[in-house]
Amino acid sequence: MSKKVNTQELRNTMGSKGPSWDEQWSGGNYSFEGENGEKGGSKKGSGKKMTEVKAVASAGLGKAKVAATVGAEKAKVAAVFGAQKVKSGTSFGIKWVKNQYQKRTSNK
């Protein structure tokens, strides 16, 4: 009793010019038509553009690595300094407790 729906008809009624999920991920060569009817997806000359984009991205990556290295050094210095403060504070605290104990036991 249920009517089988044709996916192509359904896509056309929904006004979508794009591909279905299956068409996008099937691994086949797919190109779509844009609003003006020109083919999209694989354009000639896009390799040059991609090379330029990769060059800009790798230059930015180099700057990011330098910034990350500087940030890591700052964090390391802060961690070492913090550890030294904890160590000296703990040592001071233990000495204080020891002195307090000795004062109390010597008064009795």
N, C-alpha and C. Protein backbone atom coordinates (compact mmCIF):
# COMPACT_ATOMS: atom_id res chain seq x y z
N MET A 1 0.80 -1.19 0.00
CA MET A 1 0.00 0.00 0.00
C MET A 1 0.84 1.26 0.00
N SER A 2 2.07 1.16 0.53
CA SER A 2 2.90 2.36 0.53
C SER A 2 3.53 2.54 -0.84
N LYS A 3 3.58 3.78 -1.24
CA LYS A 3 4.11 4.12 -2.54
C LYS A 3 5.63 4.27 -2.43
N LYS A 4 6.38 3.66 -3.34
CA LYS A 4 7.82 3.78 -3.34
C LYS A 4 8.20 5.15 -3.89
N VAL A 5 9.05 5.87 -3.17
CA VAL A 5 9.41 7.23 -3.54
C VAL A 5 10.72 7.20 -4.33
N ASN A 6 10.71 7.86 -5.47
CA ASN A 6 11.91 7.99 -6.27
C ASN A 6 12.73 9.14 -5.68
N THR A 7 13.98 8.86 -5.30
CA THR A 7 14.79 9.88 -4.65
C THR A 7 15.10 11.05 -5.58
N GLN A 8 15.25 10.78 -6.86
CA GLN A 8 15.52 11.86 -7.81
C GLN A 8 14.33 12.81 -7.89
N GLU A 9 13.13 12.24 -7.92
CA GLU A 9 11.93 13.08 -7.96
C GLU A 9 11.80 13.88 -6.66
N LEU A 10 12.11 13.24 -5.55
CA LEU A 10 12.01 13.90 -4.27
C LEU A 10 12.99 15.08 -4.20
N ARG A 11 14.21 14.87 -4.67
CA ARG A 11 15.20 15.95 -4.67
C ARG A 11 14.76 17.09 -5.58
N ASN A 12 14.16 16.77 -6.72
CA ASN A 12 13.70 17.81 -7.63
C ASN A 12 12.55 18.60 -7.04
N THR A 13 11.67 17.93 -6.31
CA THR A 13 10.54 18.64 -5.71
C THR A 13 10.98 19.51 -4.56
N MET A 14 12.09 19.14 -3.92
CA MET A 14 12.57 19.93 -2.79
C MET A 14 13.41 21.12 -3.26
N GLY A 15 13.68 21.21 -4.53
CA GLY A 15 14.40 22.34 -5.07
C GLY A 15 15.90 22.26 -4.88
N SER A 16 16.42 21.10 -4.56
CA SER A 16 17.85 20.94 -4.34
C SER A 16 18.54 20.59 -5.64
N LYS A 17 19.57 21.35 -5.98
CA LYS A 17 20.36 21.04 -7.16
C LYS A 17 21.56 20.18 -6.79
N GLY A 18 21.79 19.99 -5.51
CA GLY A 18 22.96 19.26 -5.04
C GLY A 18 22.76 17.77 -5.10
N PRO A 19 23.81 17.04 -4.87
CA PRO A 19 23.76 15.58 -4.91
C PRO A 19 23.20 15.00 -3.62
N SER A 20 22.82 13.75 -3.69
CA SER A 20 22.37 13.06 -2.48
C SER A 20 23.61 12.67 -1.67
N TRP A 21 23.37 12.21 -0.47
CA TRP A 21 24.47 11.78 0.39
C TRP A 21 25.25 10.67 -0.28
N ASP A 22 24.55 9.72 -0.86
CA ASP A 22 25.17 8.58 -1.52
C ASP A 22 26.05 9.04 -2.69
N GLU A 23 25.57 9.99 -3.45
CA GLU A 23 26.34 10.47 -4.59
C GLU A 23 27.61 11.21 -4.13
N GLN A 24 27.52 11.90 -3.02
CA GLN A 24 28.68 12.63 -2.52
C GLN A 24 29.77 11.71 -2.02
N TRP A 25 29.38 10.65 -1.35
CA TRP A 25 30.35 9.79 -0.66
C TRP A 25 30.60 8.47 -1.36
N SER A 26 30.09 8.27 -2.56
CA SER A 26 30.26 7.00 -3.24
C SER A 26 31.67 6.81 -3.76
N GLY A 27 32.44 7.87 -3.86
CA GLY A 27 33.81 7.75 -4.33
C GLY A 27 33.94 7.92 -5.83
N GLY A 28 32.84 8.06 -6.52
CA GLY A 28 32.90 8.26 -7.95
C GLY A 28 33.23 9.70 -8.28
N ASN A 29 33.54 9.95 -9.53
CA ASN A 29 33.80 11.33 -9.94
C ASN A 29 32.47 12.04 -10.05
N TYR A 30 32.36 13.13 -9.35
CA TYR A 30 31.10 13.86 -9.31
C TYR A 30 31.38 15.32 -9.54
N SER A 31 30.60 15.92 -10.37
CA SER A 31 30.66 17.37 -10.51
C SER A 31 29.23 17.87 -10.57
N PHE A 32 29.01 19.06 -10.07
CA PHE A 32 27.66 19.60 -9.99
C PHE A 32 27.54 20.80 -10.91
N GLU A 33 26.32 21.18 -11.17
CA GLU A 33 26.07 22.37 -11.97
C GLU A 33 25.70 23.50 -11.03
N GLY A 34 26.36 24.62 -11.22
CA GLY A 34 26.07 25.78 -10.40
C GLY A 34 24.83 26.50 -10.90
N GLU A 35 24.58 27.67 -10.35
CA GLU A 35 23.40 28.43 -10.70
C GLU A 35 23.39 28.87 -12.16
N ASN A 36 24.56 29.17 -12.71
CA ASN A 36 24.64 29.63 -14.10
C ASN A 36 24.79 28.49 -15.09
N GLY A 37 24.77 27.27 -14.63
CA GLY A 37 24.87 26.12 -15.51
C GLY A 37 26.30 25.66 -15.73
N GLU A 38 27.29 26.37 -15.17
CA GLU A 38 28.67 25.94 -15.36
C GLU A 38 28.94 24.74 -14.47
N LYS A 39 29.82 23.91 -14.92
CA LYS A 39 30.17 22.71 -14.16
C LYS A 39 31.06 23.10 -13.00
N GLY A 40 30.89 22.45 -11.88
CA GLY A 40 31.72 22.72 -10.72
C GLY A 40 32.41 21.45 -10.29
N GLY A 41 33.05 21.50 -9.18
CA GLY A 41 33.68 20.31 -8.64
C GLY A 41 35.11 20.17 -9.08
N SER A 42 35.37 19.99 -10.36
CA SER A 42 36.74 19.86 -10.83
C SER A 42 36.99 20.90 -11.91
N LYS A 43 37.69 21.96 -11.53
CA LYS A 43 37.98 23.03 -12.48
C LYS A 43 39.44 22.97 -12.85
N LYS A 44 39.74 23.28 -14.08
CA LYS A 44 41.13 23.32 -14.51
C LYS A 44 41.75 24.59 -13.94
N GLY A 45 43.02 24.50 -13.59
CA GLY A 45 43.71 25.65 -13.04
C GLY A 45 43.59 25.74 -11.53
N SER A 46 42.81 24.86 -10.92
CA SER A 46 42.67 24.93 -9.46
C SER A 46 43.90 24.39 -8.76
N GLY A 47 44.75 23.64 -9.48
CA GLY A 47 45.99 23.13 -8.88
C GLY A 47 46.92 24.25 -8.49
N LYS A 48 47.00 25.29 -9.31
CA LYS A 48 47.85 26.45 -9.01
C LYS A 48 47.35 27.16 -7.77
N LYS A 49 46.06 27.32 -7.70
CA LYS A 49 45.45 27.99 -6.54
C LYS A 49 45.73 27.18 -5.27
N MET A 50 45.59 25.85 -5.39
CA MET A 50 45.82 24.98 -4.23
C MET A 50 47.27 25.06 -3.78
N THR A 51 48.20 25.17 -4.73
CA THR A 51 49.61 25.30 -4.39
C THR A 51 49.86 26.59 -3.63
N GLU A 52 49.23 27.66 -4.07
CA GLU A 52 49.37 28.94 -3.39
C GLU A 52 48.81 28.87 -1.97
N VAL A 53 47.67 28.24 -1.84
CA VAL A 53 47.04 28.11 -0.52
C VAL A 53 47.92 27.28 0.41
N LYS A 54 48.49 26.20 -0.10
CA LYS A 54 49.37 25.37 0.72
C LYS A 54 50.61 26.14 1.15
N ALA A 55 51.15 26.95 0.25
CA ALA A 55 52.34 27.73 0.58
C ALA A 55 52.03 28.72 1.70
N VAL A 56 50.90 29.38 1.61
CA VAL A 56 50.50 30.34 2.64
C VAL A 56 50.25 29.62 3.96
N ALA A 57 49.62 28.46 3.88
CA ALA A 57 49.33 27.70 5.10
C ALA A 57 50.60 27.22 5.77
N SER A 58 51.58 26.75 4.97
CA SER A 58 52.81 26.26 5.57
C SER A 58 53.61 27.41 6.18
N ALA A 59 53.55 28.60 5.57
CA ALA A 59 54.22 29.76 6.15
C ALA A 59 53.58 30.11 7.49
N GLY A 60 52.27 30.05 7.54
CA GLY A 60 51.56 30.31 8.79
C GLY A 60 51.86 29.25 9.83
N LEU A 61 52.06 28.02 9.37
CA LEU A 61 52.38 26.92 10.27
C LEU A 61 53.74 27.15 10.92
N GLY A 62 54.69 27.65 10.15
CA GLY A 62 56.02 27.95 10.70
C GLY A 62 55.94 28.98 11.80
N LYS A 63 55.14 30.02 11.57
CA LYS A 63 54.96 31.06 12.59
C LYS A 63 54.29 30.47 13.83
N ALA A 64 53.34 29.58 13.61
CA ALA A 64 52.64 28.96 14.73
C ALA A 64 53.59 28.09 15.55
N LYS A 65 54.49 27.38 14.86
CA LYS A 65 55.45 26.55 15.58
C LYS A 65 56.37 27.40 16.45
N VAL A 66 56.81 28.53 15.89
CA VAL A 66 57.69 29.42 16.66
C VAL A 66 56.95 29.96 17.88
N ALA A 67 55.71 30.37 17.67
CA ALA A 67 54.92 30.89 18.78
C ALA A 67 54.68 29.82 19.83
N ALA A 68 54.43 28.60 19.39
CA ALA A 68 54.20 27.50 20.32
C ALA A 68 55.46 27.18 21.11
N THR A 69 56.61 27.24 20.43
CA THR A 69 57.88 26.97 21.11
C THR A 69 58.15 28.02 22.18
N VAL A 70 57.91 29.28 21.83
CA VAL A 70 58.11 30.36 22.80
C VAL A 70 57.15 30.18 23.97
N GLY A 71 55.91 29.85 23.68
CA GLY A 71 54.93 29.62 24.74
C GLY A 71 55.30 28.45 25.62
N ALA A 72 55.84 27.38 25.01
CA ALA A 72 56.24 26.21 25.78
C ALA A 72 57.42 26.55 26.70
N GLU A 73 58.36 27.35 26.19
CA GLU A 73 59.49 27.77 27.02
C GLU A 73 59.02 28.59 28.22
N LYS A 74 58.10 29.50 27.97
CA LYS A 74 57.57 30.32 29.06
C LYS A 74 56.88 29.45 30.10
N ALA A 75 56.12 28.47 29.63
CA ALA A 75 55.42 27.58 30.55
C ALA A 75 56.40 26.75 31.36
N LYS A 76 57.47 26.31 30.69
CA LYS A 76 58.48 25.50 31.39
C LYS A 76 59.15 26.33 32.49
N VAL A 77 59.52 27.56 32.17
CA VAL A 77 60.16 28.44 33.15
C VAL A 77 59.21 28.69 34.32
N ALA A 78 57.95 28.94 34.01
CA ALA A 78 56.97 29.18 35.07
C ALA A 78 56.80 27.95 35.95
N ALA A 79 56.80 26.76 35.33
CA ALA A 79 56.63 25.53 36.10
C ALA A 79 57.83 25.29 37.02
N VAL A 80 59.04 25.52 36.49
CA VAL A 80 60.25 25.33 37.30
C VAL A 80 60.26 26.32 38.46
N PHE A 81 59.93 27.57 38.16
CA PHE A 81 59.89 28.59 39.22
C PHE A 81 58.84 28.24 40.26
N GLY A 82 57.69 27.79 39.82
CA GLY A 82 56.63 27.39 40.75
C GLY A 82 57.05 26.21 41.62
N ALA A 83 57.74 25.25 41.02
CA ALA A 83 58.20 24.08 41.78
C ALA A 83 59.21 24.51 42.83
N GLN A 84 60.09 25.45 42.47
CA GLN A 84 61.07 25.94 43.44
C GLN A 84 60.38 26.64 44.61
N LYS A 85 59.35 27.41 44.31
CA LYS A 85 58.61 28.10 45.37
C LYS A 85 57.92 27.09 46.29
N VAL A 86 57.36 26.05 45.72
CA VAL A 86 56.70 25.02 46.53
C VAL A 86 57.71 24.32 47.42
N LYS A 87 58.86 23.99 46.82
CA LYS A 87 59.91 23.31 47.59
C LYS A 87 60.40 24.16 48.75
N SER A 88 60.68 25.44 48.48
CA SER A 88 61.18 26.31 49.55
C SER A 88 60.09 26.56 50.60
N GLY A 89 58.85 26.69 50.16
CA GLY A 89 57.75 26.90 51.10
C GLY A 89 57.53 25.69 51.99
N THR A 90 57.65 24.51 51.41
CA THR A 90 57.49 23.28 52.19
C THR A 90 58.63 23.15 53.19
N SER A 91 59.82 23.43 52.74
CA SER A 91 60.98 23.35 53.64
C SER A 91 60.82 24.33 54.80
N PHE A 92 60.41 25.55 54.48
CA PHE A 92 60.20 26.56 55.53
C PHE A 92 59.12 26.10 56.50
N GLY A 93 58.04 25.54 55.97
CA GLY A 93 56.94 25.08 56.82
C GLY A 93 57.36 23.96 57.75
N ILE A 94 58.14 23.02 57.24
CA ILE A 94 58.60 21.90 58.07
C ILE A 94 59.52 22.41 59.18
N LYS A 95 60.41 23.34 58.83
CA LYS A 95 61.32 23.91 59.86
C LYS A 95 60.53 24.65 60.93
N TRP A 96 59.48 25.37 60.52
CA TRP A 96 58.66 26.12 61.48
C TRP A 96 57.97 25.18 62.45
N VAL A 97 57.38 24.09 61.89
CA VAL A 97 56.69 23.11 62.74
C VAL A 97 57.69 22.47 63.69
N LYS A 98 58.87 22.14 63.21
CA LYS A 98 59.90 21.53 64.05
C LYS A 98 60.31 22.47 65.18
N ASN A 99 60.48 23.74 64.86
CA ASN A 99 60.84 24.73 65.90
C ASN A 99 59.72 24.88 66.92
N GLN A 100 58.48 24.91 66.47
CA GLN A 100 57.35 25.03 67.39
C GLN A 100 57.29 23.83 68.33
N TYR A 101 57.54 22.66 67.80
CA TYR A 101 57.53 21.45 68.62
C TYR A 101 58.64 21.50 69.66
N GLN A 102 59.83 21.93 69.23
CA GLN A 102 60.96 22.00 70.16
C GLN A 102 60.71 23.03 71.26
N LYS A 103 60.07 24.16 70.94
CA LYS A 103 59.75 25.17 71.93
C LYS A 103 58.79 24.62 72.97
N ARG A 104 57.80 23.88 72.51
CA ARG A 104 56.80 23.34 73.45
C ARG A 104 57.40 22.26 74.34
N THR A 105 58.23 21.43 73.77
CA THR A 105 58.79 20.33 74.59
C THR A 105 59.86 20.85 75.55
N SER A 106 60.54 21.92 75.20
CA SER A 106 61.59 22.45 76.10
C SER A 106 60.98 23.24 77.25
N ASN A 107 59.76 23.79 77.08
CA ASN A 107 59.10 24.55 78.16
C ASN A 107 58.52 23.64 79.21
N LYS A 108 58.27 22.42 78.94
CA LYS A 108 57.62 21.53 79.92
C LYS A 108 58.56 20.87 80.83
